[in-house]
């Protein structure tokens, strides 16, 4: 009988811990950073209070083609039952090319980034967030040494 009770408590504890884990999310982040406004965004929890966010953005307009990828380690704090705020640090890689008639240029470089934001988790599997992301990189023809990005994201939780 003791084995049954201990086994039941163990299984109950595992199932509770499994359901208590934060959710992964995937969605779109709509920002304004140097024309690379829309990004596919993925978040993966690394624990109860931190996660990794990865984003992939691209642009093909105004004679510029660019691809941007970044990763940000975030700390998450509860404000209310469904509201969190977060802050993080990370970096990324940007590849761009410009072609307008005879004028052509291209480049690839790395940059560092910070992130601070707030998010709301609905009772159904949707999260909406707003954040500010300062980015610091090498100055060139396409990218200033500092850019900032303010964005709104809609992500599906699973």
N, C-alpha and C. Protein backbone atom coordinates (compact mmCIF):
# COMPACT_ATOMS: atom_id res chain seq x y z
N UNK A 1 0.82 -1.19 0.00
CA UNK A 1 0.00 0.00 0.00
C UNK A 1 0.87 1.26 0.00
N UNK A 2 1.99 1.23 0.77
CA UNK A 2 2.88 2.38 0.80
C UNK A 2 3.46 2.66 -0.59
N UNK A 3 3.83 1.60 -1.30
CA UNK A 3 4.38 1.76 -2.63
C UNK A 3 3.36 2.43 -3.56
N UNK A 4 2.11 2.02 -3.47
CA UNK A 4 1.05 2.60 -4.29
C UNK A 4 0.88 4.10 -3.99
N UNK A 5 0.88 4.46 -2.71
CA UNK A 5 0.71 5.88 -2.33
C UNK A 5 1.91 6.69 -2.81
N UNK A 6 3.12 6.19 -2.57
CA UNK A 6 4.31 6.91 -3.01
C UNK A 6 4.36 7.02 -4.54
N UNK A 7 4.01 5.94 -5.22
CA UNK A 7 3.99 5.97 -6.68
C UNK A 7 2.96 6.97 -7.19
N UNK A 8 1.79 6.99 -6.58
CA UNK A 8 0.74 7.93 -6.98
C UNK A 8 1.18 9.37 -6.76
N UNK A 9 1.80 9.64 -5.61
CA UNK A 9 2.29 10.99 -5.33
C UNK A 9 3.39 11.39 -6.31
N UNK A 10 4.26 10.44 -6.65
CA UNK A 10 5.32 10.71 -7.61
C UNK A 10 4.75 11.06 -8.99
N UNK A 11 3.80 10.27 -9.48
CA UNK A 11 3.17 10.52 -10.77
C UNK A 11 2.41 11.85 -10.76
N UNK A 12 1.70 12.14 -9.67
CA UNK A 12 0.99 13.40 -9.54
C UNK A 12 1.97 14.58 -9.55
N UNK A 13 3.07 14.44 -8.87
CA UNK A 13 4.09 15.49 -8.85
C UNK A 13 4.69 15.73 -10.23
N UNK A 14 4.99 14.66 -10.95
CA UNK A 14 5.53 14.80 -12.31
C UNK A 14 4.55 15.47 -13.24
N UNK A 15 3.28 15.06 -13.18
CA UNK A 15 2.29 15.67 -14.07
C UNK A 15 2.06 17.13 -13.73
N UNK A 16 2.07 17.48 -12.45
CA UNK A 16 1.92 18.88 -12.06
C UNK A 16 3.12 19.69 -12.54
N UNK A 17 4.31 19.15 -12.40
CA UNK A 17 5.51 19.86 -12.85
C UNK A 17 5.50 20.02 -14.36
N UNK A 18 5.02 19.02 -15.08
CA UNK A 18 4.96 19.11 -16.54
C UNK A 18 4.00 20.20 -16.99
N UNK A 19 2.85 20.32 -16.33
CA UNK A 19 1.89 21.34 -16.71
C UNK A 19 2.29 22.72 -16.21
N UNK A 20 3.14 22.81 -15.23
CA UNK A 20 3.55 24.10 -14.69
C UNK A 20 4.66 24.75 -15.51
N UNK A 21 5.28 24.00 -16.42
CA UNK A 21 6.35 24.55 -17.22
C UNK A 21 5.83 25.64 -18.15
N UNK A 22 6.58 26.72 -18.35
CA UNK A 22 6.17 27.75 -19.28
C UNK A 22 6.07 27.19 -20.70
N UNK A 23 5.29 27.85 -21.52
CA UNK A 23 5.04 27.39 -22.88
C UNK A 23 6.07 27.94 -23.86
N UNK A 24 6.26 27.21 -24.95
CA UNK A 24 7.01 27.72 -26.09
C UNK A 24 6.05 28.59 -26.88
N UNK A 25 6.59 29.56 -27.63
CA UNK A 25 5.75 30.40 -28.46
C UNK A 25 6.40 30.57 -29.83
N UNK A 26 5.55 30.81 -30.83
CA UNK A 26 6.02 31.14 -32.17
C UNK A 26 5.03 32.13 -32.77
N UNK A 27 5.55 33.10 -33.50
CA UNK A 27 4.66 34.09 -34.09
C UNK A 27 5.43 35.13 -34.88
N UNK A 28 4.80 36.30 -35.02
CA UNK A 28 5.39 37.40 -35.77
C UNK A 28 5.63 38.59 -34.86
N UNK A 29 6.76 39.24 -35.08
CA UNK A 29 7.14 40.45 -34.35
C UNK A 29 7.21 41.57 -35.36
N UNK A 30 6.39 42.60 -35.19
CA UNK A 30 6.31 43.72 -36.12
C UNK A 30 7.03 44.92 -35.52
N UNK A 31 8.17 45.28 -36.12
CA UNK A 31 8.98 46.36 -35.58
C UNK A 31 9.30 47.40 -36.64
N UNK A 32 10.32 48.21 -36.34
CA UNK A 32 10.64 49.32 -37.23
C UNK A 32 12.13 49.51 -37.45
N UNK A 33 12.94 48.54 -37.17
CA UNK A 33 14.40 48.71 -37.19
C UNK A 33 14.95 48.71 -38.61
N UNK A 34 15.26 49.88 -39.12
CA UNK A 34 15.98 50.02 -40.37
C UNK A 34 15.33 49.23 -41.51
N UNK A 35 14.00 49.19 -41.54
CA UNK A 35 13.30 48.51 -42.62
C UNK A 35 13.14 47.02 -42.42
N UNK A 36 13.78 46.44 -41.41
CA UNK A 36 13.64 45.01 -41.17
C UNK A 36 12.55 44.81 -40.12
N UNK A 37 11.35 45.26 -40.44
CA UNK A 37 10.29 45.34 -39.47
C UNK A 37 9.65 44.04 -39.05
N UNK A 38 9.41 43.12 -39.95
CA UNK A 38 8.70 41.90 -39.60
C UNK A 38 9.71 40.76 -39.38
N UNK A 39 9.54 40.06 -38.25
CA UNK A 39 10.41 38.94 -37.93
C UNK A 39 9.57 37.74 -37.52
N UNK A 40 10.01 36.56 -37.88
CA UNK A 40 9.44 35.34 -37.32
C UNK A 40 10.13 35.17 -35.98
N UNK A 41 9.34 34.99 -34.92
CA UNK A 41 9.88 34.99 -33.56
C UNK A 41 9.52 33.69 -32.85
N UNK A 42 10.50 33.11 -32.17
CA UNK A 42 10.32 31.86 -31.42
C UNK A 42 10.89 32.03 -30.02
N UNK A 43 10.15 31.63 -29.01
CA UNK A 43 10.62 31.67 -27.62
C UNK A 43 10.58 30.27 -27.03
N UNK A 44 11.66 29.91 -26.33
CA UNK A 44 11.76 28.61 -25.67
C UNK A 44 12.17 28.83 -24.22
N UNK A 45 11.36 28.33 -23.27
CA UNK A 45 11.72 28.48 -21.86
C UNK A 45 12.99 27.70 -21.53
N UNK A 46 13.83 28.28 -20.68
CA UNK A 46 15.02 27.61 -20.19
C UNK A 46 14.90 27.33 -18.70
N UNK A 47 13.78 27.69 -18.12
CA UNK A 47 13.50 27.53 -16.70
C UNK A 47 12.22 28.27 -16.38
N UNK A 48 11.94 28.41 -15.11
CA UNK A 48 10.72 29.12 -14.69
C UNK A 48 10.81 30.61 -14.97
N UNK A 49 12.00 31.20 -14.89
CA UNK A 49 12.11 32.65 -14.97
C UNK A 49 13.02 33.14 -16.10
N UNK A 50 13.42 32.28 -17.03
CA UNK A 50 14.21 32.73 -18.15
C UNK A 50 13.90 31.91 -19.40
N UNK A 51 14.27 32.51 -20.55
CA UNK A 51 13.97 31.87 -21.83
C UNK A 51 14.92 32.40 -22.90
N UNK A 52 14.89 31.75 -24.04
CA UNK A 52 15.66 32.17 -25.19
C UNK A 52 14.69 32.59 -26.28
N UNK A 53 14.93 33.75 -26.87
CA UNK A 53 14.12 34.22 -27.99
C UNK A 53 15.00 34.26 -29.22
N UNK A 54 14.53 33.69 -30.33
CA UNK A 54 15.25 33.72 -31.60
C UNK A 54 14.34 34.36 -32.65
N UNK A 55 14.92 35.24 -33.47
CA UNK A 55 14.14 35.97 -34.47
C UNK A 55 14.84 35.91 -35.82
N UNK A 56 14.04 35.85 -36.88
CA UNK A 56 14.54 35.88 -38.25
C UNK A 56 13.74 36.93 -39.00
N UNK A 57 14.43 37.97 -39.49
CA UNK A 57 13.77 39.03 -40.25
C UNK A 57 14.39 39.14 -41.64
N UNK A 58 13.62 39.65 -42.59
CA UNK A 58 14.11 39.83 -43.94
C UNK A 58 13.44 41.03 -44.59
N UNK A 59 14.10 41.55 -45.62
CA UNK A 59 13.58 42.70 -46.34
C UNK A 59 14.02 42.59 -47.80
N UNK A 60 13.14 42.96 -48.69
CA UNK A 60 13.45 43.02 -50.10
C UNK A 60 12.65 44.16 -50.71
N UNK A 61 13.13 45.39 -50.52
CA UNK A 61 12.45 46.56 -51.08
C UNK A 61 13.40 47.74 -51.10
N UNK A 62 13.02 48.79 -51.80
CA UNK A 62 13.83 50.00 -51.90
C UNK A 62 15.27 49.69 -52.29
N UNK A 63 15.46 48.76 -53.22
CA UNK A 63 16.77 48.39 -53.74
C UNK A 63 17.66 47.69 -52.70
N UNK A 64 17.09 47.29 -51.56
CA UNK A 64 17.86 46.64 -50.50
C UNK A 64 17.29 45.25 -50.25
N UNK A 65 18.17 44.28 -50.15
CA UNK A 65 17.82 42.93 -49.70
C UNK A 65 18.61 42.67 -48.44
N UNK A 66 17.93 42.20 -47.39
CA UNK A 66 18.63 41.97 -46.12
C UNK A 66 18.00 40.80 -45.38
N UNK A 67 18.84 40.09 -44.64
CA UNK A 67 18.41 39.01 -43.76
C UNK A 67 19.06 39.26 -42.41
N UNK A 68 18.26 39.16 -41.36
CA UNK A 68 18.74 39.44 -40.00
C UNK A 68 18.31 38.29 -39.09
N UNK A 69 19.23 37.78 -38.31
CA UNK A 69 18.93 36.72 -37.35
C UNK A 69 19.53 37.13 -36.00
N UNK A 70 18.77 36.88 -34.92
CA UNK A 70 19.31 37.21 -33.60
C UNK A 70 18.78 36.25 -32.54
N UNK A 71 19.49 36.23 -31.43
CA UNK A 71 19.10 35.44 -30.27
C UNK A 71 19.25 36.29 -29.03
N UNK A 72 18.27 36.22 -28.14
CA UNK A 72 18.29 37.02 -26.92
C UNK A 72 17.93 36.14 -25.73
N UNK A 73 18.77 36.18 -24.71
CA UNK A 73 18.50 35.50 -23.44
C UNK A 73 17.68 36.47 -22.59
N UNK A 74 16.51 36.02 -22.10
CA UNK A 74 15.62 36.91 -21.36
C UNK A 74 15.32 36.39 -19.97
N UNK A 75 15.19 37.33 -19.03
CA UNK A 75 14.71 37.06 -17.69
C UNK A 75 13.26 37.53 -17.66
N UNK A 76 12.36 36.74 -17.06
CA UNK A 76 10.93 37.05 -17.08
C UNK A 76 10.43 37.16 -15.64
N UNK A 77 9.63 38.22 -15.36
CA UNK A 77 9.06 38.45 -14.05
C UNK A 77 7.55 38.62 -14.17
N UNK A 78 6.80 38.01 -13.24
CA UNK A 78 5.34 38.14 -13.21
C UNK A 78 4.95 39.48 -12.62
N UNK A 79 4.01 40.17 -13.28
CA UNK A 79 3.42 41.37 -12.72
C UNK A 79 2.03 41.08 -12.17
N UNK A 80 1.31 40.19 -12.86
CA UNK A 80 -0.04 39.80 -12.50
C UNK A 80 -0.24 38.38 -13.02
N UNK A 81 -1.44 37.86 -12.91
CA UNK A 81 -1.71 36.48 -13.31
C UNK A 81 -1.34 36.23 -14.78
N UNK A 82 -1.67 37.16 -15.67
CA UNK A 82 -1.41 36.96 -17.10
C UNK A 82 -0.42 37.96 -17.69
N UNK A 83 0.15 38.82 -16.88
CA UNK A 83 1.04 39.86 -17.38
C UNK A 83 2.46 39.63 -16.86
N UNK A 84 3.42 39.68 -17.76
CA UNK A 84 4.83 39.54 -17.42
C UNK A 84 5.61 40.71 -18.00
N UNK A 85 6.74 41.02 -17.41
CA UNK A 85 7.69 41.90 -18.05
C UNK A 85 9.00 41.15 -18.14
N UNK A 86 9.84 41.56 -19.07
CA UNK A 86 11.08 40.83 -19.32
C UNK A 86 12.17 41.77 -19.78
N UNK A 87 13.40 41.33 -19.59
CA UNK A 87 14.58 42.05 -20.06
C UNK A 87 15.61 41.02 -20.47
N UNK A 88 16.46 41.38 -21.43
CA UNK A 88 17.44 40.41 -21.88
C UNK A 88 18.58 41.03 -22.66
N UNK A 89 19.56 40.19 -22.96
CA UNK A 89 20.73 40.57 -23.76
C UNK A 89 21.00 39.48 -24.78
N UNK A 90 21.63 39.87 -25.88
CA UNK A 90 21.96 38.90 -26.91
C UNK A 90 22.69 39.56 -28.05
N UNK A 91 22.57 38.98 -29.22
CA UNK A 91 23.23 39.51 -30.40
C UNK A 91 22.70 38.88 -31.65
N UNK A 92 23.25 39.30 -32.77
CA UNK A 92 22.76 38.77 -34.03
C UNK A 92 23.72 39.00 -35.17
N UNK A 93 23.23 38.64 -36.35
CA UNK A 93 23.99 38.71 -37.59
C UNK A 93 23.09 39.33 -38.65
N UNK A 94 23.63 40.28 -39.42
CA UNK A 94 22.87 40.94 -40.49
C UNK A 94 23.66 40.86 -41.78
N UNK A 95 23.00 40.44 -42.84
CA UNK A 95 23.58 40.40 -44.18
C UNK A 95 22.71 41.26 -45.06
N UNK A 96 23.29 42.21 -45.79
CA UNK A 96 22.52 43.11 -46.63
C UNK A 96 23.22 43.34 -47.95
N UNK A 97 22.43 43.72 -48.96
CA UNK A 97 22.98 44.11 -50.25
C UNK A 97 22.11 45.22 -50.83
N UNK A 98 22.75 46.15 -51.51
CA UNK A 98 22.08 47.29 -52.11
C UNK A 98 22.44 47.33 -53.58
N UNK A 99 21.43 47.48 -54.44
CA UNK A 99 21.67 47.60 -55.87
C UNK A 99 20.66 48.58 -56.47
N UNK A 100 21.18 49.67 -57.02
CA UNK A 100 20.36 50.68 -57.67
C UNK A 100 21.13 51.17 -58.89
N UNK A 101 20.85 50.56 -60.03
CA UNK A 101 21.60 50.88 -61.24
C UNK A 101 23.03 50.43 -61.09
N UNK A 102 23.97 51.37 -61.29
CA UNK A 102 25.39 51.05 -61.19
C UNK A 102 25.88 51.02 -59.74
N UNK A 103 25.12 51.63 -58.83
CA UNK A 103 25.53 51.66 -57.43
C UNK A 103 25.19 50.34 -56.76
N UNK A 104 26.22 49.68 -56.25
CA UNK A 104 26.04 48.39 -55.58
C UNK A 104 26.92 48.36 -54.34
N UNK A 105 26.41 47.70 -53.30
CA UNK A 105 27.16 47.55 -52.06
C UNK A 105 26.56 46.39 -51.28
N UNK A 106 27.34 45.79 -50.40
CA UNK A 106 26.82 44.72 -49.55
C UNK A 106 27.71 44.57 -48.33
N UNK A 107 27.23 43.79 -47.38
CA UNK A 107 28.02 43.57 -46.18
C UNK A 107 27.37 42.59 -45.23
N UNK A 108 28.16 42.09 -44.31
CA UNK A 108 27.70 41.19 -43.25
C UNK A 108 28.41 41.61 -41.97
N UNK A 109 27.69 41.68 -40.88
CA UNK A 109 28.31 42.04 -39.62
C UNK A 109 27.50 41.52 -38.45
N UNK A 110 28.12 41.48 -37.29
CA UNK A 110 27.48 41.06 -36.05
C UNK A 110 27.14 42.30 -35.22
N UNK A 111 26.18 42.16 -34.32
CA UNK A 111 25.79 43.26 -33.45
C UNK A 111 25.34 42.70 -32.11
N UNK A 112 25.39 43.55 -31.10
CA UNK A 112 24.90 43.21 -29.77
C UNK A 112 23.53 43.86 -29.58
N UNK A 113 22.69 43.24 -28.75
CA UNK A 113 21.34 43.76 -28.55
C UNK A 113 20.90 43.60 -27.11
N UNK A 114 20.05 44.49 -26.68
CA UNK A 114 19.35 44.38 -25.41
C UNK A 114 17.86 44.24 -25.70
N UNK A 115 17.07 44.02 -24.70
CA UNK A 115 15.63 43.88 -24.92
C UNK A 115 14.91 44.12 -23.59
N UNK A 116 13.82 44.90 -23.64
CA UNK A 116 12.97 45.08 -22.48
C UNK A 116 11.54 45.19 -22.99
N UNK A 117 10.61 44.50 -22.31
CA UNK A 117 9.24 44.52 -22.79
C UNK A 117 8.24 44.02 -21.78
N UNK A 118 6.98 44.02 -22.21
CA UNK A 118 5.87 43.57 -21.40
C UNK A 118 4.99 42.69 -22.28
N UNK A 119 4.38 41.65 -21.67
CA UNK A 119 3.54 40.73 -22.46
C UNK A 119 2.29 40.37 -21.69
N UNK A 120 1.25 40.04 -22.46
CA UNK A 120 -0.02 39.60 -21.89
C UNK A 120 -0.35 38.23 -22.46
N UNK A 121 -0.58 37.26 -21.58
CA UNK A 121 -0.96 35.90 -21.98
C UNK A 121 -2.46 35.74 -21.82
N UNK A 122 -3.16 35.58 -22.94
CA UNK A 122 -4.60 35.37 -22.90
C UNK A 122 -4.92 33.99 -22.34
N UNK A 123 -6.18 33.75 -21.99
CA UNK A 123 -6.60 32.44 -21.48
C UNK A 123 -6.58 31.39 -22.58
N UNK A 124 -6.61 31.80 -23.83
CA UNK A 124 -6.42 30.89 -24.96
C UNK A 124 -4.96 31.05 -25.42
N UNK A 125 -4.45 30.19 -26.28
CA UNK A 125 -2.99 30.17 -26.54
C UNK A 125 -2.47 31.32 -27.41
N UNK A 126 -2.63 32.56 -26.95
CA UNK A 126 -2.11 33.73 -27.65
C UNK A 126 -1.41 34.63 -26.65
N UNK A 127 -0.24 35.12 -27.03
CA UNK A 127 0.51 36.09 -26.24
C UNK A 127 0.75 37.32 -27.11
N UNK A 128 0.48 38.49 -26.54
CA UNK A 128 0.78 39.76 -27.20
C UNK A 128 1.83 40.47 -26.38
N UNK A 129 2.85 41.01 -27.04
CA UNK A 129 3.91 41.71 -26.31
C UNK A 129 4.31 42.99 -27.04
N UNK A 130 4.86 43.91 -26.27
CA UNK A 130 5.46 45.13 -26.80
C UNK A 130 6.84 45.24 -26.19
N UNK A 131 7.85 45.55 -27.02
CA UNK A 131 9.21 45.63 -26.49
C UNK A 131 10.04 46.70 -27.18
N UNK A 132 11.15 47.01 -26.55
CA UNK A 132 12.14 47.95 -27.06
C UNK A 132 13.47 47.21 -27.12
N UNK A 133 14.14 47.26 -28.29
CA UNK A 133 15.40 46.54 -28.47
C UNK A 133 16.48 47.48 -29.02
N UNK A 134 17.40 47.95 -28.19
CA UNK A 134 18.55 48.71 -28.71
C UNK A 134 19.59 47.74 -29.29
N UNK A 135 20.20 48.14 -30.41
CA UNK A 135 21.21 47.31 -31.07
C UNK A 135 22.46 48.13 -31.32
N UNK A 136 23.62 47.51 -31.08
CA UNK A 136 24.91 48.18 -31.24
C UNK A 136 25.77 47.35 -32.17
N UNK A 137 26.22 47.96 -33.27
CA UNK A 137 27.04 47.23 -34.22
C UNK A 137 28.06 48.15 -34.87
N UNK A 138 28.78 47.62 -35.84
CA UNK A 138 29.78 48.40 -36.57
C UNK A 138 29.07 49.34 -37.54
N UNK A 139 29.57 50.55 -37.62
CA UNK A 139 28.99 51.53 -38.53
C UNK A 139 29.44 51.22 -39.96
N UNK A 140 28.46 51.24 -40.88
CA UNK A 140 28.77 51.08 -42.30
C UNK A 140 27.72 51.86 -43.10
N UNK A 141 27.67 51.64 -44.41
CA UNK A 141 26.74 52.40 -45.25
C UNK A 141 25.28 52.07 -44.96
N UNK A 142 25.00 50.90 -44.44
CA UNK A 142 23.61 50.49 -44.21
C UNK A 142 23.19 50.60 -42.76
N UNK A 143 24.10 50.39 -41.85
CA UNK A 143 23.78 50.27 -40.43
C UNK A 143 24.56 51.30 -39.64
N UNK A 144 23.86 52.12 -38.89
CA UNK A 144 24.55 53.05 -37.98
C UNK A 144 25.14 52.23 -36.83
N UNK A 145 25.98 52.83 -36.03
CA UNK A 145 26.57 52.08 -34.92
C UNK A 145 25.53 51.79 -33.84
N UNK A 146 24.41 52.54 -33.82
CA UNK A 146 23.32 52.27 -32.89
C UNK A 146 21.99 52.34 -33.63
N UNK A 147 21.16 51.35 -33.46
CA UNK A 147 19.79 51.34 -33.96
C UNK A 147 18.89 50.89 -32.83
N UNK A 148 17.66 51.33 -32.85
CA UNK A 148 16.71 50.84 -31.86
C UNK A 148 15.47 50.34 -32.58
N UNK A 149 14.77 49.46 -31.94
CA UNK A 149 13.63 48.79 -32.54
C UNK A 149 12.52 48.74 -31.49
N UNK A 150 11.36 49.28 -31.83
CA UNK A 150 10.17 49.17 -30.99
C UNK A 150 9.21 48.27 -31.75
N UNK A 151 8.68 47.24 -31.08
CA UNK A 151 7.88 46.26 -31.80
C UNK A 151 6.70 45.75 -30.98
N UNK A 152 5.73 45.21 -31.71
CA UNK A 152 4.60 44.49 -31.13
C UNK A 152 4.64 43.09 -31.72
N UNK A 153 4.45 42.08 -30.88
CA UNK A 153 4.50 40.69 -31.34
C UNK A 153 3.22 39.95 -30.98
N UNK A 154 2.82 39.06 -31.85
CA UNK A 154 1.69 38.16 -31.64
C UNK A 154 2.24 36.75 -31.78
N UNK A 155 2.16 35.98 -30.69
CA UNK A 155 2.73 34.63 -30.69
C UNK A 155 1.73 33.59 -30.21
N UNK A 156 1.80 32.43 -30.83
CA UNK A 156 0.97 31.28 -30.45
C UNK A 156 1.73 30.46 -29.42
N UNK A 157 1.07 30.15 -28.29
CA UNK A 157 1.70 29.32 -27.24
C UNK A 157 1.34 27.85 -27.48
N UNK A 158 2.35 27.00 -27.33
CA UNK A 158 2.11 25.55 -27.43
C UNK A 158 2.98 24.81 -26.46
